[in-house]
Amino acid sequence: MSATRAEVCAVACAEMFRGDGEIVAAAVAGMTPALGARLARSTFEPDLLTTDGGPFLTAEPVPLGAPAGIVEGWLPFRDHLWLVLNGRRHVVLGPSQIDAYGNCNISNIGDWARPKSQLLGSRGAPGNTRCNTTSFWIPKHSTRVFTERVDFVSGIGYDRGAFELRGVVTNLAVLDFATPDRRMRLRSVHPGITVADVVAATGFELSIEDVQETRLPTDEELRIMREVLDVRGFREREVPS
């Protein structure tokens, strides 16, 4: 079976959770990372804890847009904060800006005193990036997002003491920070995308060596996405082919 770009991205998000074991997957940045977390639990990471998008821990991965089904636990906000503070959570953030060390901005665009745009505010990003494993999902890779300097540091990067930044998945590529100086590295490009495409869409210099092609979904992963977890095709709305 041939895979769409959205399905490649979903599998790349799923791979971010590989090896996590029994921790909470907080894929709050969009449909694609939510699908990725539930796909990981359905296949290679069965101990991963997934939610209904709210306070319920679900007994099985829930299809996108479906009710919780069988609930195996309740996760009130106080317990969620305990998990954050003790590193028992892997969160996927959706930054409006990110720099070469993973400092991310979800607060404002422009000068803080007179911003051009007001965004969410820092919310949980400081605690997430200091205490938890954090990954990033960016559905439109561009120089507006990948900037030399973010306008406001909402979540900290490796140059400011981040706990663990697992990687970045975009509609073009997979990136990580597996370099000696912890600067962002281009790890793989999605099928049909070139290294030059990614470089042109990034506002700072990337570490580039031995770039692979992002792995394709297996037939079983495609079946699970199409027939179980995302029958309504939400993934294709976030990453059009």
Protein backbone atom coordinates (compact mmCIF):
# COMPACT_ATOMS: atom_id res chain seq x y z
CA MET A 1 0.00 0.00 0.00
CA SER A 2 1.28 3.47 -0.84
CA ALA A 3 1.38 6.04 1.95
CA THR A 4 0.39 9.70 1.88
CA ARG A 5 2.59 12.48 3.27
CA ALA A 6 0.25 12.73 6.26
CA GLU A 7 0.72 9.04 7.03
CA VAL A 8 4.50 9.35 6.80
CA CYS A 9 4.31 12.24 9.27
CA ALA A 10 2.07 10.27 11.64
CA VAL A 11 4.51 7.36 11.70
CA ALA A 12 7.41 9.77 12.28
CA CYS A 13 5.49 11.15 15.28
CA ALA A 14 4.86 7.60 16.50
CA GLU A 15 8.60 6.91 16.34
CA MET A 16 9.21 9.79 18.76
CA PHE A 17 7.54 7.64 21.45
CA ARG A 18 9.62 4.53 20.79
CA GLY A 19 11.20 3.26 24.01
CA ASP A 20 9.11 5.44 26.32
CA GLY A 21 7.32 2.61 28.10
CA GLU A 22 4.70 3.38 30.75
CA ILE A 23 4.53 7.18 30.66
CA VAL A 24 1.76 9.54 29.56
CA ALA A 25 1.80 10.59 25.91
CA ALA A 26 0.56 14.19 25.81
CA ALA A 27 0.30 14.81 22.08
CA VAL A 28 -1.42 18.17 22.36
CA ALA A 29 -0.10 19.84 19.20
CA GLY A 30 -2.56 18.51 16.63
CA MET A 31 -4.21 15.52 15.01
CA THR A 32 -0.98 14.12 13.55
CA PRO A 33 0.95 13.67 16.83
CA ALA A 34 -2.23 12.41 18.53
CA LEU A 35 -2.55 9.80 15.81
CA GLY A 36 1.16 9.03 16.14
CA ALA A 37 0.92 8.42 19.89
CA ARG A 38 -2.08 6.13 19.50
CA LEU A 39 -0.40 4.31 16.62
CA ALA A 40 2.72 3.76 18.75
CA ARG A 41 0.58 2.27 21.52
CA SER A 42 -1.26 0.07 19.00
CA THR A 43 2.01 -1.38 17.65
CA PHE A 44 5.49 -1.17 19.14
CA GLU A 45 4.84 0.72 22.42
CA PRO A 46 1.90 -1.08 24.12
CA ASP A 47 2.68 0.23 27.63
CA LEU A 48 2.34 3.88 26.59
CA LEU A 49 -0.47 5.67 28.44
CA THR A 50 -2.85 7.52 26.13
CA THR A 51 -5.80 9.76 26.93
CA ASP A 52 -9.06 10.77 25.33
CA GLY A 53 -7.62 14.27 24.91
CA GLY A 54 -9.05 15.12 28.32
CA PRO A 55 -8.71 13.72 31.85
CA PHE A 56 -9.31 10.05 31.11
CA LEU A 57 -6.63 7.39 30.59
CA THR A 58 -8.10 4.98 28.07
CA ALA A 59 -7.87 1.21 28.10
CA GLU A 60 -7.24 1.17 24.35
CA PRO A 61 -6.04 3.79 21.86
CA VAL A 62 -9.09 5.89 20.96
CA PRO A 63 -9.87 6.68 17.31
CA LEU A 64 -9.56 10.37 16.49
CA GLY A 65 -12.85 12.14 17.15
CA ALA A 66 -14.36 9.20 19.06
CA PRO A 67 -15.50 9.11 22.73
CA ALA A 68 -13.18 7.65 25.33
CA GLY A 69 -14.62 4.13 25.38
CA ILE A 70 -13.35 1.99 28.26
CA VAL A 71 -11.54 4.16 30.81
CA GLU A 72 -8.75 2.68 32.92
CA GLY A 73 -7.92 5.75 34.98
CA TRP A 74 -8.67 9.36 35.81
CA LEU A 75 -5.96 11.98 35.52
CA PRO A 76 -7.01 15.16 37.34
CA PHE A 77 -4.87 18.24 36.88
CA ARG A 78 -3.03 17.84 40.20
CA ASP A 79 -1.89 14.34 39.19
CA HIS A 80 -0.97 15.55 35.72
CA LEU A 81 1.31 18.18 37.31
CA TRP A 82 2.92 15.49 39.48
CA LEU A 83 3.74 13.54 36.31
CA VAL A 84 5.24 16.65 34.71
CA LEU A 85 7.44 17.41 37.72
CA ASN A 86 8.64 13.81 37.90
CA GLY A 87 9.40 13.31 34.22
CA ARG A 88 6.61 10.77 33.63
CA ARG A 89 5.22 12.50 30.57
CA HIS A 90 6.26 12.96 26.94
CA VAL A 91 4.65 16.04 25.46
CA VAL A 92 4.47 17.11 21.83
CA LEU A 93 4.33 20.90 21.47
CA GLY A 94 3.40 22.94 18.41
CA PRO A 95 5.62 26.03 18.48
CA SER A 96 5.01 29.17 16.44
CA GLN A 97 8.79 29.70 16.43
CA ILE A 98 11.75 27.43 17.22
CA ASP A 99 15.48 28.08 17.05
CA ALA A 100 18.54 25.92 16.47
CA TYR A 101 18.76 24.79 20.13
CA GLY A 102 15.07 24.06 20.55
CA ASN A 103 14.01 27.23 22.33
CA CYS A 104 10.37 27.59 21.35
CA ASN A 105 7.82 30.38 21.33
CA ILE A 106 4.07 30.03 21.84
CA SER A 107 3.59 33.41 23.53
CA ASN A 108 3.83 36.33 21.10
CA ILE A 109 5.25 37.46 17.77
CA GLY A 110 7.22 40.71 17.86
CA ASP A 111 8.45 42.72 20.80
CA TRP A 112 6.97 41.68 24.15
CA ALA A 113 6.03 45.27 25.03
CA ARG A 114 4.14 45.77 21.75
CA PRO A 115 3.65 42.43 20.01
CA LYS A 116 2.38 42.04 16.45
CA SER A 117 0.42 38.96 17.51
CA GLN A 118 -0.63 37.58 20.88
CA LEU A 119 -0.48 33.78 21.05
CA LEU A 120 -1.32 31.26 23.79
CA GLY A 121 1.15 32.44 26.40
CA SER A 122 3.84 30.19 27.84
CA ARG A 123 1.33 27.93 29.61
CA GLY A 124 3.07 24.63 30.48
CA ALA A 125 6.02 24.99 28.10
CA PRO A 126 8.62 26.02 30.74
CA GLY A 127 7.88 23.03 32.98
CA ASN A 128 7.49 20.64 30.08
CA THR A 129 10.85 21.44 28.54
CA ARG A 130 12.68 21.53 31.89
CA CYS A 131 11.16 18.37 33.41
CA ASN A 132 9.79 16.17 30.61
CA THR A 133 10.76 14.62 27.34
CA THR A 134 9.49 17.04 24.69
CA SER A 135 9.00 16.68 20.96
CA PHE A 136 7.66 19.15 18.42
CA TRP A 137 5.15 18.94 15.58
CA ILE A 138 5.18 21.66 12.90
CA PRO A 139 2.69 21.07 10.06
CA LYS A 140 4.17 23.79 7.82
CA HIS A 141 7.97 23.98 7.77
CA SER A 142 9.03 27.56 6.98
CA THR A 143 11.53 30.27 7.87
CA ARG A 144 8.77 32.01 9.85
CA VAL A 145 8.77 29.08 12.27
CA PHE A 146 12.44 27.99 12.12
CA THR A 147 14.04 31.27 13.15
CA GLU A 148 17.56 32.30 14.19
CA ARG A 149 16.10 33.84 17.34
CA VAL A 150 12.64 33.37 18.83
CA ASP A 151 10.76 36.51 19.89
CA PHE A 152 9.98 35.06 23.32
CA VAL A 153 11.34 31.93 25.01
CA SER A 154 8.27 30.01 26.16
CA GLY A 155 9.96 26.60 26.34
CA ILE A 156 13.69 26.27 26.87
CA GLY A 157 16.21 24.73 24.47
CA TYR A 158 19.40 22.82 25.12
CA ASP A 159 21.42 26.01 25.58
CA ARG A 160 19.15 26.88 28.52
CA GLY A 161 18.98 23.48 30.23
CA ALA A 162 16.21 21.51 28.53
CA PHE A 163 15.54 18.05 29.98
CA GLU A 164 15.27 16.07 26.72
CA LEU A 165 14.19 17.35 23.33
CA ARG A 166 13.48 14.16 21.42
CA GLY A 167 13.04 15.72 17.99
CA VAL A 168 10.99 17.73 15.53
CA VAL A 169 8.60 16.35 12.91
CA THR A 170 7.39 18.62 10.11
CA ASN A 171 5.58 18.21 6.82
CA LEU A 172 9.01 18.07 5.15
CA ALA A 173 11.39 16.26 7.46
CA VAL A 174 12.46 14.83 10.81
CA LEU A 175 15.04 16.77 12.81
CA ASP A 176 16.75 16.18 16.14
CA PHE A 177 19.50 17.54 18.39
CA ALA A 178 21.93 14.59 18.26
CA THR A 179 25.02 16.75 17.71
CA PRO A 180 27.96 17.51 20.05
CA ASP A 181 26.77 21.10 20.61
CA ARG A 182 23.06 20.13 20.67
CA ARG A 183 22.19 22.24 17.62
CA MET A 184 19.41 21.02 15.39
CA ARG A 185 20.28 18.30 12.89
CA LEU A 186 18.44 17.21 9.77
CA ARG A 187 17.89 13.49 10.32
CA SER A 188 15.63 12.53 7.44
CA VAL A 189 13.57 13.99 4.63
CA HIS A 190 10.15 12.68 3.67
CA PRO A 191 9.72 10.93 0.30
CA GLY A 192 9.69 13.49 -2.52
CA ILE A 193 11.47 16.15 -0.43
CA THR A 194 15.12 17.12 -0.91
CA VAL A 195 17.68 18.39 1.56
CA ALA A 196 17.69 21.67 -0.40
CA ASP A 197 13.93 22.01 0.17
CA VAL A 198 14.43 21.79 3.94
CA VAL A 199 17.42 24.15 3.97
CA ALA A 200 15.45 26.75 2.01
CA ALA A 201 12.59 26.55 4.52
CA THR A 202 14.82 26.91 7.61
CA GLY A 203 16.01 30.28 8.92
CA PHE A 204 19.25 29.03 10.47
CA GLU A 205 22.06 26.66 9.58
CA LEU A 206 21.27 23.00 10.17
CA SER A 207 23.72 20.23 10.92
CA ILE A 208 23.60 18.06 7.80
CA GLU A 209 25.37 14.75 7.29
CA ASP A 210 24.19 11.31 6.21
CA VAL A 211 20.55 12.38 5.81
CA GLN A 212 18.21 9.42 5.37
CA GLU A 213 14.71 9.15 3.92
CA THR A 214 11.97 9.04 6.55
CA ARG A 215 10.70 5.51 6.89
CA LEU A 216 7.41 4.57 5.27
CA PRO A 217 4.52 3.11 7.24
CA THR A 218 4.21 -0.67 7.18
CA ASP A 219 1.09 -2.21 5.67
CA GLU A 220 -0.14 -2.97 9.19
CA GLU A 221 0.42 0.62 10.32
CA LEU A 222 -1.50 1.87 7.29
CA ARG A 223 -4.35 -0.52 8.06
CA ILE A 224 -4.54 0.64 11.67
CA MET A 225 -4.53 4.32 10.70
CA ARG A 226 -7.09 3.95 7.91
CA GLU A 227 -9.43 1.34 9.37
CA VAL A 228 -9.16 1.86 13.14
CA LEU A 229 -7.63 5.10 14.42
CA ASP A 230 -8.49 7.66 11.74
CA VAL A 231 -11.29 6.36 9.58
CA ARG A 232 -12.51 9.92 8.95
CA GLY A 233 -9.14 11.01 7.55
CA PHE A 234 -8.35 13.88 9.91
CA ARG A 235 -4.65 13.38 9.16
CA GLU A 236 -5.09 14.46 5.54
CA ARG A 237 -6.61 17.79 6.58
CA GLU A 238 -3.54 18.70 8.64
CA VAL A 239 -1.00 17.58 6.01
CA PRO A 240 -2.59 17.71 2.55
CA SER A 241 -0.93 15.49 -0.05
